[in-house]
Amino acid sequence: MDELIVVNRFRVGEDPLDAAAFRTDVHAALGALAARPGYVSGRVGCNVDDPGLWLLTTTWANPGSYRRALSAYDVKLTAVPLLSRAVDEPSALETVTGEKPLNRQVPRELD
């Protein structure tokens, strides 16, 4: 599998203090994730038309890197509490390049 893209969307209250606190938290979370092996890149965004909708995207070398990052102590303290506030929807996406077959949900053989 190629790189993994993780997209988390957040609903933030209209109170400017809520937005300021969220902004601090999301950048701290991104910093903790960025320090982990396998991290490729990340960005924080705010919707142009709806300032209460925020986005955190990260790209990882592979799914294992992301999963291991989530179990790191500093990430559990900094990023996981923030990620638990994300809109409840699938967030991990595989990159699609060329004609490569897509990852499919199928039972895997145990050797």
Protein backbone atom coordinates (compact mmCIF):
# COMPACT_ATOMS: atom_id res chain seq x y z
CA MET A 1 0.00 0.00 0.00
CA ASP A 2 1.15 3.51 -0.75
CA GLU A 3 0.85 6.48 1.54
CA LEU A 4 -2.10 6.87 3.86
CA ILE A 5 -4.05 10.14 4.07
CA VAL A 6 -5.96 10.84 7.28
CA VAL A 7 -8.68 13.49 7.14
CA ASN A 8 -10.36 14.63 10.37
CA ARG A 9 -13.11 17.25 10.36
CA PHE A 10 -14.15 19.16 13.46
CA ARG A 11 -17.14 21.30 14.44
CA VAL A 12 -16.01 24.22 16.60
CA GLY A 13 -18.36 26.57 18.45
CA GLU A 14 -18.97 30.11 17.24
CA ASP A 15 -17.47 31.68 20.37
CA PRO A 16 -14.08 33.18 19.41
CA LEU A 17 -12.60 31.70 22.60
CA ASP A 18 -13.65 28.22 21.45
CA ALA A 19 -11.97 28.79 18.08
CA ALA A 20 -8.80 30.12 19.71
CA ALA A 21 -8.60 27.16 22.10
CA PHE A 22 -9.25 24.71 19.26
CA ARG A 23 -6.57 26.34 17.13
CA THR A 24 -4.04 25.91 19.94
CA ASP A 25 -5.09 22.28 20.47
CA VAL A 26 -5.05 21.30 16.80
CA HIS A 27 -1.58 22.74 16.23
CA ALA A 28 -0.28 20.95 19.34
CA ALA A 29 -1.80 17.70 18.06
CA LEU A 30 -0.23 18.21 14.65
CA GLY A 31 3.14 18.83 16.30
CA ALA A 32 2.90 15.61 18.32
CA LEU A 33 1.92 13.61 15.23
CA ALA A 34 4.65 15.22 13.12
CA ALA A 35 7.30 14.00 15.57
CA ARG A 36 6.42 10.34 14.94
CA PRO A 37 8.24 8.04 12.50
CA GLY A 38 6.43 7.64 9.20
CA TYR A 39 4.82 11.10 9.27
CA VAL A 40 5.07 12.71 5.82
CA SER A 41 3.07 15.95 6.05
CA GLY A 42 0.11 17.65 7.68
CA ARG A 43 -2.09 20.70 7.47
CA VAL A 44 -4.74 22.52 9.46
CA GLY A 45 -7.55 24.31 7.63
CA CYS A 46 -10.69 26.28 8.36
CA ASN A 47 -13.65 26.32 5.98
CA VAL A 48 -14.00 29.56 4.02
CA ASP A 49 -17.83 29.61 4.12
CA ASP A 50 -18.34 28.02 7.54
CA PRO A 51 -15.70 29.16 10.08
CA GLY A 52 -16.95 26.56 12.57
CA LEU A 53 -15.75 23.71 10.33
CA TRP A 54 -12.06 22.84 10.71
CA LEU A 55 -9.87 20.21 9.09
CA LEU A 56 -6.72 18.34 10.12
CA THR A 57 -5.08 16.27 7.40
CA THR A 58 -1.97 14.17 7.79
CA THR A 59 -0.13 11.94 5.37
CA TRP A 60 1.75 8.85 6.51
CA ALA A 61 4.25 6.51 4.87
CA ASN A 62 1.84 3.62 5.48
CA PRO A 63 -1.07 2.58 7.73
CA GLY A 64 1.26 0.99 10.28
CA SER A 65 3.09 4.26 10.85
CA TYR A 66 -0.19 6.02 11.62
CA ARG A 67 -1.39 3.26 13.94
CA ARG A 68 1.90 3.23 15.83
CA ALA A 69 1.83 7.03 16.10
CA LEU A 70 -1.57 6.87 17.81
CA SER A 71 -0.17 4.56 20.48
CA ALA A 72 2.78 6.83 21.35
CA TYR A 73 2.55 8.39 24.82
CA ASP A 74 2.87 12.03 23.73
CA VAL A 75 0.27 11.53 21.00
CA LYS A 76 -2.12 9.93 23.49
CA LEU A 77 -1.78 13.01 25.69
CA THR A 78 -1.91 15.66 22.97
CA ALA A 79 -3.60 14.42 19.80
CA VAL A 80 -5.97 11.61 20.82
CA PRO A 81 -8.21 13.85 23.00
CA LEU A 82 -8.55 16.22 20.04
CA LEU A 83 -9.13 13.41 17.54
CA SER A 84 -11.93 12.06 19.73
CA ARG A 85 -13.80 15.33 19.02
CA ALA A 86 -13.71 14.80 15.24
CA VAL A 87 -16.86 14.36 13.17
CA ASP A 88 -17.71 10.64 13.34
CA GLU A 89 -16.87 9.42 9.83
CA PRO A 90 -14.21 7.26 8.19
CA SER A 91 -10.96 9.21 8.14
CA ALA A 92 -8.18 7.01 6.73
CA LEU A 93 -7.85 6.93 2.96
CA GLU A 94 -5.37 5.16 0.73
CA THR A 95 -3.76 7.05 -2.11
CA VAL A 96 -4.91 5.98 -5.56
CA THR A 97 -2.31 6.03 -8.29
CA GLY A 98 -2.52 4.64 -11.80
CA GLU A 99 -4.22 1.31 -12.22
CA LYS A 100 -3.04 -0.14 -8.91
CA PRO A 101 -5.74 -2.37 -7.38
CA LEU A 102 -7.52 -0.78 -4.45
CA ASN A 103 -7.43 -2.16 -0.94
CA ARG A 104 -10.48 -4.37 -0.48
CA GLN A 105 -12.17 -5.57 2.67
CA VAL A 106 -11.67 -9.31 2.43
CA PRO A 107 -10.78 -11.93 5.00
CA ARG A 108 -7.03 -12.45 5.13
CA GLU A 109 -5.31 -15.79 5.28
CA LEU A 110 -3.53 -16.59 8.52
CA ASP A 111 -0.21 -18.31 7.85
